[in-house]
Amino acid sequence: MESMNIRDILSNREFEVMVLVSNGLYNKEVADKLKCEECTIKKHLQHIFEKMRVQNRTEATVKFFKLGGMLILPNENQSN
């Protein structure tokens, strides 16, 4: 799996979730940003963990970056 790109593993929505999770957001914050319910984020994370073969969000974040994921820095000029 290490030779694969993260985009080959995750759906577009799962990728969006991982970008936010890897930036340190909690499930509720991710749900608010993506305009969905927190339970939906939890379900996405379950799928992400299975696909990435990890046990938790810390492992997922490490693997996300190893496989080409990106960190999005907050823009001071951008409002929520």
N, C-alpha and C. Protein backbone atom coordinates (compact mmCIF):
# COMPACT_ATOMS: atom_id res chain seq x y z
N MET A 1 0.83 -1.20 0.00
CA MET A 1 0.00 0.00 0.00
C MET A 1 0.87 1.26 0.00
N GLU A 2 2.07 1.20 0.54
CA GLU A 2 2.90 2.40 0.67
C GLU A 2 3.25 3.01 -0.69
N SER A 3 3.22 2.21 -1.77
CA SER A 3 3.55 2.76 -3.08
C SER A 3 2.35 3.44 -3.74
N MET A 4 1.18 3.29 -3.16
CA MET A 4 -0.01 3.91 -3.71
C MET A 4 -0.12 5.37 -3.26
N ASN A 5 -0.91 6.12 -4.01
CA ASN A 5 -1.21 7.49 -3.65
C ASN A 5 -2.52 7.50 -2.87
N ILE A 6 -2.65 8.41 -1.94
CA ILE A 6 -3.85 8.48 -1.10
C ILE A 6 -5.11 8.66 -1.94
N ARG A 7 -4.99 9.34 -3.08
CA ARG A 7 -6.14 9.57 -3.96
C ARG A 7 -6.63 8.28 -4.60
N ASP A 8 -5.76 7.26 -4.66
CA ASP A 8 -6.15 5.95 -5.20
C ASP A 8 -6.91 5.13 -4.17
N ILE A 9 -6.81 5.52 -2.92
CA ILE A 9 -7.39 4.74 -1.82
C ILE A 9 -8.72 5.32 -1.35
N LEU A 10 -8.79 6.63 -1.19
CA LEU A 10 -9.96 7.28 -0.60
C LEU A 10 -10.84 7.93 -1.66
N SER A 11 -12.14 7.97 -1.36
CA SER A 11 -13.06 8.74 -2.20
C SER A 11 -12.76 10.23 -2.01
N ASN A 12 -13.32 11.07 -2.86
CA ASN A 12 -13.12 12.51 -2.72
C ASN A 12 -13.59 13.00 -1.36
N ARG A 13 -14.74 12.53 -0.90
CA ARG A 13 -15.28 12.97 0.38
C ARG A 13 -14.41 12.49 1.54
N GLU A 14 -13.96 11.24 1.47
CA GLU A 14 -13.07 10.71 2.50
C GLU A 14 -11.77 11.51 2.54
N PHE A 15 -11.28 11.90 1.37
CA PHE A 15 -10.08 12.73 1.31
C PHE A 15 -10.32 14.07 2.00
N GLU A 16 -11.48 14.69 1.74
CA GLU A 16 -11.82 15.96 2.40
C GLU A 16 -11.85 15.79 3.92
N VAL A 17 -12.44 14.69 4.38
CA VAL A 17 -12.50 14.41 5.82
C VAL A 17 -11.09 14.30 6.38
N MET A 18 -10.21 13.56 5.68
CA MET A 18 -8.85 13.38 6.18
C MET A 18 -8.05 14.67 6.18
N VAL A 19 -8.27 15.54 5.22
CA VAL A 19 -7.57 16.84 5.23
C VAL A 19 -7.93 17.58 6.51
N LEU A 20 -9.20 17.59 6.86
CA LEU A 20 -9.65 18.31 8.05
C LEU A 20 -9.19 17.62 9.34
N VAL A 21 -9.29 16.30 9.38
CA VAL A 21 -8.84 15.53 10.55
C VAL A 21 -7.34 15.73 10.75
N SER A 22 -6.58 15.70 9.66
CA SER A 22 -5.12 15.85 9.77
C SER A 22 -4.72 17.26 10.19
N ASN A 23 -5.65 18.20 10.09
CA ASN A 23 -5.43 19.56 10.58
C ASN A 23 -5.85 19.70 12.04
N GLY A 24 -6.26 18.59 12.65
CA GLY A 24 -6.56 18.59 14.08
C GLY A 24 -8.00 18.88 14.45
N LEU A 25 -8.90 18.92 13.47
CA LEU A 25 -10.30 19.19 13.77
C LEU A 25 -10.97 17.97 14.40
N TYR A 26 -11.88 18.23 15.32
CA TYR A 26 -12.70 17.18 15.92
C TYR A 26 -13.83 16.81 14.96
N ASN A 27 -14.45 15.66 15.21
CA ASN A 27 -15.53 15.19 14.32
C ASN A 27 -16.62 16.25 14.13
N LYS A 28 -17.03 16.90 15.20
CA LYS A 28 -18.08 17.92 15.13
C LYS A 28 -17.65 19.08 14.25
N GLU A 29 -16.40 19.49 14.38
CA GLU A 29 -15.88 20.59 13.56
C GLU A 29 -15.81 20.20 12.08
N VAL A 30 -15.41 18.96 11.83
CA VAL A 30 -15.37 18.46 10.45
C VAL A 30 -16.78 18.45 9.87
N ALA A 31 -17.73 17.96 10.65
CA ALA A 31 -19.12 17.91 10.21
C ALA A 31 -19.65 19.31 9.91
N ASP A 32 -19.35 20.25 10.75
CA ASP A 32 -19.79 21.63 10.52
C ASP A 32 -19.20 22.19 9.23
N LYS A 33 -17.90 21.97 9.01
CA LYS A 33 -17.24 22.48 7.80
C LYS A 33 -17.82 21.84 6.54
N LEU A 34 -18.15 20.54 6.62
CA LEU A 34 -18.65 19.83 5.44
C LEU A 34 -20.18 19.81 5.36
N LYS A 35 -20.81 20.50 6.30
CA LYS A 35 -22.27 20.64 6.32
C LYS A 35 -22.99 19.29 6.31
N CYS A 36 -22.61 18.47 7.29
CA CYS A 36 -23.25 17.17 7.46
C CYS A 36 -23.31 16.86 8.96
N GLU A 37 -23.83 15.71 9.29
CA GLU A 37 -23.96 15.30 10.68
C GLU A 37 -22.67 14.66 11.19
N GLU A 38 -22.44 14.75 12.47
CA GLU A 38 -21.26 14.15 13.08
C GLU A 38 -21.24 12.63 12.88
N CYS A 39 -22.41 12.00 12.91
CA CYS A 39 -22.46 10.54 12.71
C CYS A 39 -21.99 10.16 11.30
N THR A 40 -22.19 11.05 10.34
CA THR A 40 -21.71 10.81 8.97
C THR A 40 -20.19 10.83 8.94
N ILE A 41 -19.60 11.75 9.67
CA ILE A 41 -18.13 11.82 9.75
C ILE A 41 -17.58 10.57 10.41
N LYS A 42 -18.23 10.11 11.45
CA LYS A 42 -17.78 8.89 12.13
C LYS A 42 -17.81 7.71 11.17
N LYS A 43 -18.84 7.63 10.34
CA LYS A 43 -18.96 6.54 9.36
C LYS A 43 -17.86 6.66 8.31
N HIS A 44 -17.62 7.89 7.84
CA HIS A 44 -16.51 8.10 6.89
C HIS A 44 -15.19 7.65 7.50
N LEU A 45 -14.96 7.99 8.76
CA LEU A 45 -13.71 7.60 9.42
C LEU A 45 -13.59 6.09 9.54
N GLN A 46 -14.69 5.41 9.81
CA GLN A 46 -14.65 3.94 9.85
C GLN A 46 -14.18 3.38 8.51
N HIS A 47 -14.74 3.92 7.42
CA HIS A 47 -14.35 3.46 6.08
C HIS A 47 -12.89 3.80 5.78
N ILE A 48 -12.48 5.01 6.18
CA ILE A 48 -11.10 5.43 5.98
C ILE A 48 -10.14 4.51 6.72
N PHE A 49 -10.44 4.20 7.97
CA PHE A 49 -9.57 3.33 8.78
C PHE A 49 -9.45 1.96 8.12
N GLU A 50 -10.58 1.42 7.63
CA GLU A 50 -10.55 0.12 6.96
C GLU A 50 -9.70 0.17 5.70
N LYS A 51 -9.94 1.18 4.88
CA LYS A 51 -9.20 1.30 3.61
C LYS A 51 -7.70 1.51 3.82
N MET A 52 -7.36 2.27 4.85
CA MET A 52 -5.96 2.59 5.12
C MET A 52 -5.31 1.56 6.03
N ARG A 53 -6.11 0.65 6.54
CA ARG A 53 -5.63 -0.41 7.45
C ARG A 53 -4.94 0.19 8.67
N VAL A 54 -5.68 1.10 9.33
CA VAL A 54 -5.20 1.74 10.56
C VAL A 54 -6.26 1.58 11.65
N GLN A 55 -5.88 1.88 12.87
CA GLN A 55 -6.77 1.70 14.02
C GLN A 55 -7.35 3.01 14.57
N ASN A 56 -6.71 4.14 14.27
CA ASN A 56 -7.17 5.38 14.87
C ASN A 56 -6.77 6.57 14.00
N ARG A 57 -7.24 7.76 14.39
CA ARG A 57 -7.01 8.95 13.57
C ARG A 57 -5.55 9.38 13.55
N THR A 58 -4.78 9.07 14.60
CA THR A 58 -3.36 9.39 14.59
C THR A 58 -2.64 8.56 13.53
N GLU A 59 -2.89 7.25 13.53
CA GLU A 59 -2.28 6.39 12.51
C GLU A 59 -2.75 6.80 11.12
N ALA A 60 -4.02 7.16 10.99
CA ALA A 60 -4.56 7.57 9.70
C ALA A 60 -3.87 8.84 9.21
N THR A 61 -3.64 9.77 10.11
CA THR A 61 -2.98 11.03 9.74
C THR A 61 -1.55 10.79 9.28
N VAL A 62 -0.82 9.95 9.99
CA VAL A 62 0.56 9.64 9.61
C VAL A 62 0.59 8.99 8.22
N LYS A 63 -0.27 8.01 8.01
CA LYS A 63 -0.30 7.33 6.72
C LYS A 63 -0.80 8.26 5.63
N PHE A 64 -1.74 9.13 5.95
CA PHE A 64 -2.27 10.11 5.00
C PHE A 64 -1.13 10.94 4.42
N PHE A 65 -0.25 11.45 5.28
CA PHE A 65 0.88 12.26 4.82
C PHE A 65 1.90 11.42 4.06
N LYS A 66 2.15 10.19 4.52
CA LYS A 66 3.09 9.31 3.83
C LYS A 66 2.64 9.00 2.41
N LEU A 67 1.33 8.93 2.21
CA LEU A 67 0.77 8.57 0.91
C LEU A 67 0.41 9.79 0.06
N GLY A 68 0.87 10.95 0.46
CA GLY A 68 0.69 12.13 -0.38
C GLY A 68 -0.42 13.07 0.03
N GLY A 69 -0.98 12.89 1.20
CA GLY A 69 -2.00 13.82 1.69
C GLY A 69 -1.38 15.17 1.96
N MET A 70 -2.24 16.16 2.13
CA MET A 70 -1.72 17.52 2.31
C MET A 70 -2.28 18.17 3.55
N LEU A 71 -1.50 19.07 4.08
CA LEU A 71 -1.93 19.88 5.22
C LEU A 71 -2.37 21.22 4.67
N ILE A 72 -3.58 21.63 4.99
CA ILE A 72 -4.10 22.92 4.56
C ILE A 72 -4.00 23.87 5.74
N LEU A 73 -3.21 24.91 5.57
CA LEU A 73 -3.06 25.89 6.65
C LEU A 73 -4.23 26.85 6.62
N PRO A 74 -4.71 27.27 7.78
CA PRO A 74 -5.83 28.21 7.83
C PRO A 74 -5.45 29.53 7.16
N ASN A 75 -6.40 30.09 6.45
CA ASN A 75 -6.21 31.38 5.79
C ASN A 75 -6.80 32.45 6.69
N GLU A 76 -6.01 33.39 7.12
CA GLU A 76 -6.48 34.41 8.04
C GLU A 76 -7.59 35.28 7.42
N ASN A 77 -7.59 35.40 6.11
CA ASN A 77 -8.58 36.24 5.43
C ASN A 77 -9.87 35.49 5.15
N GLN A 78 -9.88 34.19 5.40
CA GLN A 78 -11.05 33.37 5.08
C GLN A 78 -11.91 33.21 6.31
N SER A 79 -13.21 33.40 6.15
CA SER A 79 -14.13 33.21 7.28
C SER A 79 -14.71 31.82 7.23
N ASN A 80 -15.22 31.33 8.37
CA ASN A 80 -15.80 29.98 8.44
C ASN A 80 -17.03 29.96 7.65
